[in-house]
N, C-alpha and C. Protein backbone atom coordinates (compact mmCIF):
# COMPACT_ATOMS: atom_id res chain seq x y z
N MET A 1 101.03 121.52 145.90
CA MET A 1 101.39 120.54 145.05
C MET A 1 100.76 121.06 143.72
N PRO A 2 101.52 121.09 142.72
CA PRO A 2 101.23 121.40 141.15
C PRO A 2 100.09 120.34 140.80
N PRO A 3 99.15 120.98 139.88
CA PRO A 3 98.20 119.95 139.28
C PRO A 3 98.78 119.01 138.30
N LYS A 4 98.41 117.66 138.25
CA LYS A 4 99.00 116.74 137.36
C LYS A 4 98.70 117.13 135.95
N ARG A 5 99.70 116.88 135.12
CA ARG A 5 99.31 117.20 133.73
C ARG A 5 98.86 115.71 133.04
N ALA A 6 97.86 116.19 132.19
CA ALA A 6 97.44 114.94 131.54
C ALA A 6 98.41 114.43 130.33
N LYS A 7 98.67 113.10 130.36
CA LYS A 7 99.58 112.90 129.11
C LYS A 7 98.82 113.08 127.89
N PRO A 8 99.77 113.40 126.79
CA PRO A 8 99.14 113.64 125.61
C PRO A 8 98.58 112.49 124.92
N GLU A 9 97.47 112.38 124.17
CA GLU A 9 96.71 111.11 123.77
C GLU A 9 97.67 110.93 122.55
N ARG A 10 97.88 109.47 122.48
CA ARG A 10 98.59 109.16 121.01
C ARG A 10 97.58 108.58 120.13
N ARG A 11 97.25 109.34 119.22
CA ARG A 11 96.41 109.04 117.98
C ARG A 11 96.89 107.81 117.34
N PRO A 12 96.24 106.92 116.79
CA PRO A 12 96.76 105.86 116.07
C PRO A 12 97.27 106.32 114.74
N LEU A 13 98.29 105.92 114.31
CA LEU A 13 98.98 106.12 113.14
C LEU A 13 98.14 105.62 111.86
N VAL A 14 97.99 106.24 110.73
CA VAL A 14 97.20 105.78 109.69
C VAL A 14 98.01 105.54 108.39
N LEU A 15 97.96 104.64 107.74
CA LEU A 15 98.62 104.32 106.46
C LEU A 15 97.40 104.28 105.54
N VAL A 16 97.40 105.14 104.20
CA VAL A 16 96.46 105.12 103.42
C VAL A 16 97.01 104.81 102.16
N VAL A 17 96.01 103.77 101.64
CA VAL A 17 96.32 103.20 100.32
C VAL A 17 95.32 103.42 99.32
N ARG A 18 95.66 104.19 98.21
CA ARG A 18 94.72 104.44 97.14
C ARG A 18 95.13 103.83 95.90
N PRO A 19 94.27 103.43 95.05
CA PRO A 19 94.50 102.86 93.89
C PRO A 19 95.39 103.46 92.87
N ALA A 20 96.21 103.04 92.16
CA ALA A 20 97.04 103.53 91.31
C ALA A 20 96.29 104.06 90.09
N PRO A 21 96.52 105.24 89.50
CA PRO A 21 95.50 105.76 88.37
C PRO A 21 95.56 104.73 86.96
N ARG A 22 96.46 104.03 86.72
CA ARG A 22 96.58 103.32 85.57
C ARG A 22 96.50 101.73 85.73
N ASP A 23 96.46 101.23 86.97
CA ASP A 23 96.60 99.80 87.16
C ASP A 23 95.78 99.48 88.53
N HIS A 24 94.55 98.83 88.45
CA HIS A 24 93.80 98.64 89.68
C HIS A 24 94.51 97.51 90.42
N ARG A 25 95.66 97.12 90.12
CA ARG A 25 96.39 95.92 91.09
C ARG A 25 97.47 96.63 91.56
N ARG A 26 97.54 97.83 91.45
CA ARG A 26 98.66 98.72 92.31
C ARG A 26 98.11 99.71 92.95
N GLY A 27 98.90 100.12 93.93
CA GLY A 27 98.39 101.40 94.76
C GLY A 27 99.41 102.26 95.15
N ILE A 28 99.20 103.36 95.78
CA ILE A 28 100.07 104.44 96.52
C ILE A 28 99.82 104.42 97.86
N LEU A 29 100.75 104.17 98.69
CA LEU A 29 100.49 104.21 100.18
C LEU A 29 101.18 105.42 100.66
N ALA A 30 100.25 106.24 101.34
CA ALA A 30 100.65 107.48 101.97
C ALA A 30 100.70 107.46 103.51
N PHE A 31 101.95 107.91 103.89
CA PHE A 31 102.16 108.07 105.31
C PHE A 31 102.72 109.21 105.61
N GLY A 32 102.17 110.23 106.15
CA GLY A 32 102.72 111.68 106.32
C GLY A 32 102.84 112.05 104.79
N SER A 33 104.13 112.73 104.81
CA SER A 33 104.58 113.05 103.48
C SER A 33 105.39 112.05 102.75
N LEU A 34 105.28 110.84 103.15
CA LEU A 34 105.82 109.92 102.38
C LEU A 34 104.92 109.11 101.46
N ARG A 35 105.37 108.63 100.18
CA ARG A 35 104.60 107.99 99.27
C ARG A 35 105.20 106.66 98.75
N PHE A 36 104.60 105.49 98.81
CA PHE A 36 105.15 104.29 98.39
C PHE A 36 104.41 103.60 97.32
N GLN A 37 105.04 102.86 96.35
CA GLN A 37 104.16 102.18 95.45
C GLN A 37 103.93 100.85 96.15
N THR A 38 102.80 100.35 95.98
CA THR A 38 102.28 99.01 96.48
C THR A 38 101.56 98.13 95.40
N ALA A 39 101.87 96.80 95.77
CA ALA A 39 101.10 95.75 95.06
C ALA A 39 99.74 95.23 95.74
N LEU A 40 98.59 95.49 94.98
CA LEU A 40 97.39 95.03 95.56
C LEU A 40 97.08 93.61 95.13
N GLY A 41 95.73 93.23 95.35
CA GLY A 41 95.29 91.87 94.80
C GLY A 41 95.07 91.95 93.37
N ARG A 42 95.06 90.79 92.72
CA ARG A 42 95.04 90.54 91.21
C ARG A 42 93.55 90.98 90.82
N SER A 43 92.71 91.15 91.56
CA SER A 43 91.29 91.51 91.25
C SER A 43 91.21 92.84 91.60
N GLY A 44 92.17 93.75 92.10
CA GLY A 44 92.03 94.95 92.59
C GLY A 44 91.35 95.04 93.96
N ILE A 45 90.68 96.14 94.42
CA ILE A 45 90.10 96.41 95.55
C ILE A 45 88.51 96.11 95.38
N THR A 46 87.91 95.43 96.60
CA THR A 46 86.63 95.33 96.69
C THR A 46 86.03 95.58 98.00
N SER A 47 84.64 95.90 97.99
CA SER A 47 83.75 96.18 99.20
C SER A 47 83.20 94.91 99.67
N ALA A 48 83.31 93.79 98.87
CA ALA A 48 82.66 92.36 99.04
C ALA A 48 83.62 91.36 98.95
N LYS A 49 84.57 91.34 99.94
CA LYS A 49 85.74 90.43 99.88
C LYS A 49 85.09 88.94 100.10
N ARG A 50 85.71 88.13 99.28
CA ARG A 50 85.28 86.63 99.43
C ARG A 50 86.64 85.78 99.36
N GLU A 51 86.74 84.73 99.99
CA GLU A 51 87.85 83.92 99.88
C GLU A 51 88.16 83.43 98.68
N GLY A 52 89.43 83.50 98.30
CA GLY A 52 89.85 83.23 97.03
C GLY A 52 89.66 84.11 95.73
N ASP A 53 89.07 85.30 96.14
CA ASP A 53 88.63 86.09 94.99
C ASP A 53 89.88 87.09 94.42
N GLY A 54 90.96 87.02 95.22
CA GLY A 54 92.29 87.67 94.94
C GLY A 54 91.94 89.20 94.77
N ALA A 55 91.07 89.63 95.64
CA ALA A 55 90.99 91.12 95.69
C ALA A 55 91.28 91.45 97.14
N THR A 56 92.01 93.00 97.12
CA THR A 56 92.16 93.50 98.51
C THR A 56 91.03 94.05 98.97
N PRO A 57 90.74 93.97 100.14
CA PRO A 57 89.39 94.50 100.81
C PRO A 57 89.62 96.08 101.05
N ARG A 58 88.44 96.80 100.63
CA ARG A 58 88.40 98.20 100.89
C ARG A 58 87.90 98.30 102.44
N ALA A 59 88.87 98.57 103.26
CA ALA A 59 88.57 98.61 104.66
C ALA A 59 89.60 99.53 105.50
N SER A 60 89.37 99.74 106.58
CA SER A 60 90.29 100.36 107.57
C SER A 60 90.61 99.20 108.53
N MET A 61 91.96 98.57 108.48
CA MET A 61 92.23 97.55 109.15
C MET A 61 93.45 97.88 110.16
N PRO A 62 93.01 97.62 111.40
CA PRO A 62 94.26 97.76 112.47
C PRO A 62 95.23 96.70 112.34
N VAL A 63 96.33 97.14 112.67
CA VAL A 63 97.65 96.37 112.86
C VAL A 63 97.40 95.34 114.03
N LEU A 64 97.57 94.22 114.15
CA LEU A 64 97.30 93.21 115.19
C LEU A 64 98.69 92.78 115.62
N SER A 65 99.50 92.26 114.83
CA SER A 65 100.86 91.71 115.13
C SER A 65 101.57 91.43 113.93
N GLY A 66 102.87 90.83 114.04
CA GLY A 66 103.61 90.78 112.96
C GLY A 66 104.51 89.58 112.97
N TYR A 67 105.15 89.19 112.05
CA TYR A 67 106.05 87.93 111.86
C TYR A 67 107.37 88.42 111.12
N ARG A 68 108.41 87.78 111.59
CA ARG A 68 109.75 88.30 110.64
C ARG A 68 110.57 86.77 110.37
N ARG A 69 111.26 86.70 109.61
CA ARG A 69 112.24 85.80 109.28
C ARG A 69 113.59 86.07 109.88
N GLY A 70 113.98 85.10 110.78
CA GLY A 70 115.03 85.34 111.86
C GLY A 70 116.20 85.09 111.18
N GLU A 71 116.53 84.04 110.14
CA GLU A 71 117.71 83.88 109.54
C GLU A 71 118.06 84.82 108.43
N ARG A 72 117.29 85.84 108.09
CA ARG A 72 117.51 86.92 107.08
C ARG A 72 117.82 88.09 107.74
N PRO A 73 118.54 88.97 107.04
CA PRO A 73 118.75 90.29 107.67
C PRO A 73 117.58 90.86 108.42
N LEU A 74 117.80 91.56 109.66
CA LEU A 74 116.76 92.18 110.30
C LEU A 74 116.47 93.63 109.83
N PHE A 75 115.23 93.94 109.98
CA PHE A 75 114.88 95.33 109.62
C PHE A 75 115.06 96.27 110.95
N LEU A 76 114.71 97.30 110.69
CA LEU A 76 115.03 98.28 111.85
C LEU A 76 113.97 97.72 113.07
N PRO A 77 114.32 98.20 114.24
CA PRO A 77 113.47 97.85 115.34
C PRO A 77 112.13 98.27 115.19
N SER A 78 111.26 97.67 115.81
CA SER A 78 109.88 98.21 115.77
C SER A 78 109.17 98.14 117.02
N PRO A 79 108.24 99.13 117.29
CA PRO A 79 107.31 99.08 118.59
C PRO A 79 106.46 97.92 118.38
N LEU A 80 106.22 97.36 117.22
CA LEU A 80 105.25 96.15 117.26
C LEU A 80 106.08 94.96 117.37
N ALA A 81 105.60 94.10 118.21
CA ALA A 81 106.54 92.75 118.53
C ALA A 81 106.28 91.92 117.35
N LEU A 82 107.47 91.52 116.74
CA LEU A 82 107.41 90.53 115.45
C LEU A 82 107.87 89.29 116.04
N LYS A 83 106.96 88.16 115.82
CA LYS A 83 107.34 86.85 116.15
C LYS A 83 108.22 86.28 115.02
N ARG A 84 109.28 85.50 115.51
CA ARG A 84 110.24 84.81 114.53
C ARG A 84 109.31 83.68 113.98
N ILE A 85 109.32 83.57 112.63
CA ILE A 85 108.70 82.63 111.84
C ILE A 85 109.55 81.15 111.94
N ARG A 86 108.60 80.12 112.38
CA ARG A 86 109.42 78.89 112.35
C ARG A 86 108.77 77.86 111.27
N ALA A 87 109.38 76.92 110.93
CA ALA A 87 108.94 76.05 109.85
C ALA A 87 107.62 75.54 109.96
N ASP A 88 107.09 75.30 111.24
CA ASP A 88 105.89 74.81 111.38
C ASP A 88 104.82 75.70 111.48
N MET A 89 104.92 77.00 111.23
CA MET A 89 103.89 77.93 111.29
C MET A 89 103.11 78.10 110.14
N LEU A 90 101.75 77.90 110.01
CA LEU A 90 100.87 77.93 108.97
C LEU A 90 99.84 79.03 109.24
N TRP A 91 98.80 79.36 108.13
CA TRP A 91 97.89 80.14 108.48
C TRP A 91 96.70 79.33 107.79
N CYS A 92 95.50 79.20 108.44
CA CYS A 92 94.32 78.29 107.91
C CYS A 92 93.47 79.17 107.15
N ASP A 93 93.38 78.77 105.84
CA ASP A 93 92.55 79.56 104.81
C ASP A 93 91.44 78.75 104.31
N ASP A 94 91.02 77.75 105.23
CA ASP A 94 89.89 76.74 104.90
C ASP A 94 88.64 77.26 105.42
N PRO A 95 87.66 77.91 105.09
CA PRO A 95 86.35 78.39 105.49
C PRO A 95 85.69 77.33 106.24
N ARG A 96 85.86 76.11 105.97
CA ARG A 96 85.06 75.10 106.59
C ARG A 96 85.74 74.59 108.01
N HIS A 97 86.95 74.92 108.14
CA HIS A 97 87.75 74.46 109.35
C HIS A 97 87.59 75.45 110.55
N PRO A 98 87.28 75.14 111.74
CA PRO A 98 87.24 75.91 112.89
C PRO A 98 88.26 76.99 113.10
N ALA A 99 89.43 76.67 112.66
CA ALA A 99 90.56 77.57 112.65
C ALA A 99 90.64 78.43 111.52
N TYR A 100 89.66 78.59 110.85
CA TYR A 100 89.77 79.52 109.65
C TYR A 100 90.07 80.84 110.10
N ASN A 101 91.19 81.41 109.23
CA ASN A 101 91.76 82.80 109.35
C ASN A 101 92.41 82.94 110.67
N ARG A 102 93.11 81.89 111.06
CA ARG A 102 93.90 81.83 112.37
C ARG A 102 95.37 81.16 112.01
N PRO A 103 96.37 81.55 112.91
CA PRO A 103 97.46 80.87 112.68
C PRO A 103 97.34 79.41 113.27
N VAL A 104 98.13 78.44 112.56
CA VAL A 104 97.93 76.96 112.95
C VAL A 104 99.29 76.42 112.84
N SER A 105 99.57 75.27 113.38
CA SER A 105 100.85 74.75 113.36
C SER A 105 100.91 73.39 112.47
N ALA A 106 101.79 73.05 111.86
CA ALA A 106 101.99 71.74 111.16
C ALA A 106 102.32 70.62 112.07
N PRO A 107 101.81 69.49 111.81
CA PRO A 107 101.08 69.24 110.42
C PRO A 107 99.64 69.55 110.67
N PHE A 108 99.07 70.03 109.37
CA PHE A 108 97.71 70.51 109.37
C PHE A 108 97.07 70.19 108.11
N ALA A 109 96.05 69.31 108.25
CA ALA A 109 95.52 68.66 106.98
C ALA A 109 94.54 69.79 106.19
N ALA A 110 93.97 70.69 106.77
CA ALA A 110 93.11 71.62 106.13
C ALA A 110 93.78 72.69 105.23
N GLY A 111 93.17 73.45 104.32
CA GLY A 111 93.74 74.30 103.60
C GLY A 111 94.70 75.41 104.44
N HIS A 112 95.81 75.76 103.97
CA HIS A 112 96.50 76.62 104.87
C HIS A 112 97.67 77.42 103.90
N GLU A 113 98.37 78.47 104.44
CA GLU A 113 99.39 79.27 103.70
C GLU A 113 100.50 78.81 104.68
N LYS A 114 101.91 78.56 104.11
CA LYS A 114 102.89 78.64 104.94
C LYS A 114 103.43 79.87 105.15
N LEU A 115 103.89 80.21 106.36
CA LEU A 115 104.45 81.51 106.54
C LEU A 115 105.99 81.62 106.46
N LYS A 116 106.62 80.38 106.52
CA LYS A 116 108.07 80.45 106.13
C LYS A 116 108.11 80.05 104.70
N ARG A 117 108.25 80.95 104.00
CA ARG A 117 108.24 80.69 102.46
C ARG A 117 109.52 80.87 101.97
N ALA A 118 109.98 80.25 100.66
CA ALA A 118 111.23 80.20 100.05
C ALA A 118 111.62 81.57 99.50
N ASP A 119 110.56 82.47 99.18
CA ASP A 119 110.61 83.85 98.75
C ASP A 119 110.97 84.76 99.77
N ARG A 120 111.02 86.12 99.57
CA ARG A 120 111.30 86.85 100.57
C ARG A 120 109.94 87.75 101.08
N LEU A 121 108.90 87.26 100.51
CA LEU A 121 107.58 88.09 100.89
C LEU A 121 107.05 88.13 102.28
N TYR A 122 107.57 87.10 102.99
CA TYR A 122 107.12 87.22 104.40
C TYR A 122 108.43 87.50 105.37
N ASP A 123 109.50 88.14 104.93
CA ASP A 123 110.58 88.50 105.77
C ASP A 123 110.13 89.33 106.69
N VAL A 124 109.23 90.18 106.26
CA VAL A 124 108.32 90.89 107.41
C VAL A 124 107.02 90.91 106.99
N CYS A 125 106.11 90.35 107.75
CA CYS A 125 104.76 90.13 107.55
C CYS A 125 103.87 90.55 108.63
N ILE A 126 102.97 91.62 108.28
CA ILE A 126 102.37 92.29 109.37
C ILE A 126 100.75 91.86 109.23
N VAL A 127 100.10 91.32 110.26
CA VAL A 127 98.87 90.78 110.40
C VAL A 127 97.86 91.98 110.46
N LEU A 128 97.00 92.02 109.67
CA LEU A 128 95.86 93.16 109.72
C LEU A 128 94.72 92.58 110.17
N ASP A 129 93.79 93.21 110.86
CA ASP A 129 92.50 92.80 111.29
C ASP A 129 91.48 92.82 110.23
N TRP A 130 91.58 91.87 109.31
CA TRP A 130 90.54 91.72 108.32
C TRP A 130 89.96 90.35 108.69
N ASN A 131 88.80 90.24 108.98
CA ASN A 131 88.04 89.14 109.14
C ASN A 131 88.68 88.24 110.22
N ILE A 132 89.20 88.83 111.32
CA ILE A 132 89.89 88.18 112.44
C ILE A 132 89.11 88.40 113.76
N SER A 133 88.94 89.60 114.24
CA SER A 133 88.12 89.94 115.43
C SER A 133 86.74 89.62 115.36
N GLU A 134 86.16 90.09 114.21
CA GLU A 134 84.75 89.52 113.80
C GLU A 134 84.86 88.61 112.54
N ARG A 135 85.06 87.32 112.84
CA ARG A 135 85.36 86.41 111.85
C ARG A 135 83.96 86.00 111.25
N ARG A 136 83.95 85.89 109.93
CA ARG A 136 82.98 85.27 109.12
C ARG A 136 83.39 84.33 108.09
N ARG A 137 82.96 83.19 108.08
CA ARG A 137 83.48 82.12 107.22
C ARG A 137 83.31 82.47 105.76
N GLY A 138 84.45 82.42 104.98
CA GLY A 138 84.38 82.63 103.55
C GLY A 138 84.48 84.05 103.12
N CYS A 139 84.90 85.04 103.99
CA CYS A 139 84.86 86.35 103.74
C CYS A 139 86.49 86.93 103.56
N GLY A 140 87.29 86.11 103.60
CA GLY A 140 88.62 86.26 103.21
C GLY A 140 89.53 85.92 104.53
N SER A 141 90.85 85.47 104.23
CA SER A 141 91.84 85.26 105.16
C SER A 141 93.12 85.58 104.71
N ALA A 142 94.17 85.56 105.76
CA ALA A 142 95.47 85.91 105.47
C ALA A 142 95.65 87.20 104.79
N ILE A 143 95.07 88.40 105.19
CA ILE A 143 95.19 89.55 104.48
C ILE A 143 96.31 90.28 105.33
N PHE A 144 97.52 90.26 104.72
CA PHE A 144 98.55 90.75 105.34
C PHE A 144 99.38 92.01 104.67
N PHE A 145 100.18 92.75 105.36
CA PHE A 145 100.82 93.71 104.86
C PHE A 145 102.25 93.34 104.81
N HIS A 146 102.78 93.06 103.68
CA HIS A 146 104.24 92.25 103.43
C HIS A 146 105.12 92.79 102.25
N ILE A 147 106.27 92.15 102.15
CA ILE A 147 107.18 92.61 101.14
C ILE A 147 106.78 92.32 99.61
N ALA A 148 106.78 93.24 98.65
CA ALA A 148 106.34 92.86 97.38
C ALA A 148 107.61 92.19 96.42
N ARG A 149 107.05 91.61 95.53
CA ARG A 149 107.86 91.04 94.62
C ARG A 149 108.61 91.88 93.71
N ALA A 150 109.79 91.79 93.20
CA ALA A 150 110.19 92.74 92.14
C ALA A 150 109.23 92.97 91.08
N GLY A 151 109.05 94.34 90.70
CA GLY A 151 108.05 94.76 89.66
C GLY A 151 106.69 94.90 90.23
N TYR A 152 106.24 94.72 91.32
CA TYR A 152 104.98 94.74 92.09
C TYR A 152 103.79 93.84 91.34
N PRO A 153 104.06 92.75 91.12
CA PRO A 153 103.06 92.01 90.45
C PRO A 153 102.02 91.91 91.61
N PRO A 154 100.79 91.43 91.09
CA PRO A 154 99.49 91.52 92.15
C PRO A 154 99.80 90.37 93.23
N THR A 155 99.09 90.67 94.11
CA THR A 155 99.14 89.57 95.32
C THR A 155 97.79 88.90 95.25
N GLU A 156 97.54 88.02 96.26
CA GLU A 156 96.26 87.31 96.52
C GLU A 156 95.37 88.09 97.18
N GLY A 157 95.59 89.35 97.40
CA GLY A 157 94.53 90.18 98.22
C GLY A 157 95.26 91.08 99.30
N CYS A 158 96.66 90.80 99.52
CA CYS A 158 97.50 91.64 100.29
C CYS A 158 97.81 92.91 99.81
N VAL A 159 98.57 93.75 100.83
CA VAL A 159 99.23 94.98 100.38
C VAL A 159 100.44 94.62 100.55
N ALA A 160 101.29 94.89 99.59
CA ALA A 160 102.72 94.68 99.58
C ALA A 160 103.52 95.89 99.18
N ILE A 161 104.69 96.05 99.70
CA ILE A 161 105.46 97.28 99.27
C ILE A 161 107.08 96.81 99.20
N ALA A 162 107.84 97.45 98.74
CA ALA A 162 109.34 97.04 98.56
C ALA A 162 109.95 96.80 100.11
N ALA A 163 111.12 96.01 100.02
CA ALA A 163 111.54 95.87 101.30
C ALA A 163 112.11 97.05 102.01
N ARG A 164 112.79 97.95 100.98
CA ARG A 164 113.44 99.15 101.67
C ARG A 164 112.33 100.13 102.25
N ASP A 165 111.03 100.01 101.63
CA ASP A 165 109.90 101.01 101.94
C ASP A 165 109.56 100.32 103.40
N MET A 166 109.46 99.05 103.52
CA MET A 166 109.10 98.45 104.77
C MET A 166 110.08 98.74 105.76
N ALA A 167 111.39 98.89 105.54
CA ALA A 167 112.29 99.19 106.55
C ALA A 167 112.09 100.63 107.06
N ARG A 168 111.56 101.54 106.03
CA ARG A 168 111.19 102.86 106.62
C ARG A 168 110.09 102.90 107.47
N LEU A 169 109.00 102.19 107.19
CA LEU A 169 107.70 102.21 107.96
C LEU A 169 107.93 101.52 109.29
N LEU A 170 108.54 100.51 109.24
CA LEU A 170 108.61 99.44 110.40
C LEU A 170 108.81 100.26 111.76
N PRO A 171 109.63 101.19 111.88
CA PRO A 171 109.90 101.77 113.24
C PRO A 171 108.73 102.55 113.74
N HIS A 172 107.61 103.02 112.54
CA HIS A 172 106.46 103.62 113.13
C HIS A 172 105.26 102.84 113.26
N LEU A 173 105.34 101.44 112.86
CA LEU A 173 104.17 100.48 113.17
C LEU A 173 104.12 100.10 114.46
N ARG A 174 102.98 99.97 114.96
CA ARG A 174 102.54 99.41 116.37
C ARG A 174 101.27 98.83 116.31
N ARG A 175 100.79 98.12 117.35
CA ARG A 175 99.59 97.56 117.54
C ARG A 175 98.53 98.73 117.55
N GLY A 176 97.51 98.82 116.55
CA GLY A 176 96.54 99.90 116.49
C GLY A 176 96.67 100.83 115.36
N THR A 177 98.06 100.74 114.78
CA THR A 177 98.07 101.36 113.61
C THR A 177 97.17 101.05 112.47
N ARG A 178 96.45 101.84 111.74
CA ARG A 178 95.44 101.35 110.84
C ARG A 178 95.91 101.38 109.48
N LEU A 179 95.79 100.44 108.53
CA LEU A 179 96.12 100.36 107.20
C LEU A 179 94.62 100.57 106.49
N THR A 180 94.51 101.63 105.83
CA THR A 180 93.10 102.04 105.26
C THR A 180 93.32 101.90 103.73
N VAL A 181 92.60 101.13 103.17
CA VAL A 181 92.57 100.81 101.67
C VAL A 181 91.15 101.56 101.17
N LEU A 182 91.30 102.65 100.37
CA LEU A 182 90.32 103.42 99.85
C LEU A 182 89.73 102.76 98.48
């Protein structure tokens, strides 16, 4: 009987975001030989993220899960399971609430963000492990990788790219992919 071959180890994919040279609220995302423009937080990148500071955390954040708008055109298939966004889906951003930095459902009285937005920002919304696995109150919530507005204006702390660029990346994203902001 021939010896069993070990399966090749799948190393996690890494997306690297560096600040743009002339605007701290923008970045360049590198994935292999591809480069994409990104929108970053209105306060740039920080190593000391706080709730409401408008900064993108300097961190290496694994991809945990994702959401998509079902009634809008679908992007390419992805190895990452994308949950369809419903009208009652929210994300708690109130550091005083026990569900801080967690998905919640409407009705919900504490501070929150709607996942089903009127704009296209969350047509694809990838949840990054910022302050989720090891949650600390007040250290930032709802840090997502999502679609950017036209012209790449700053985000509230997320990393955002053009819809066409997300369509190119989505087939490569899976749980454990890392988005590293330098």
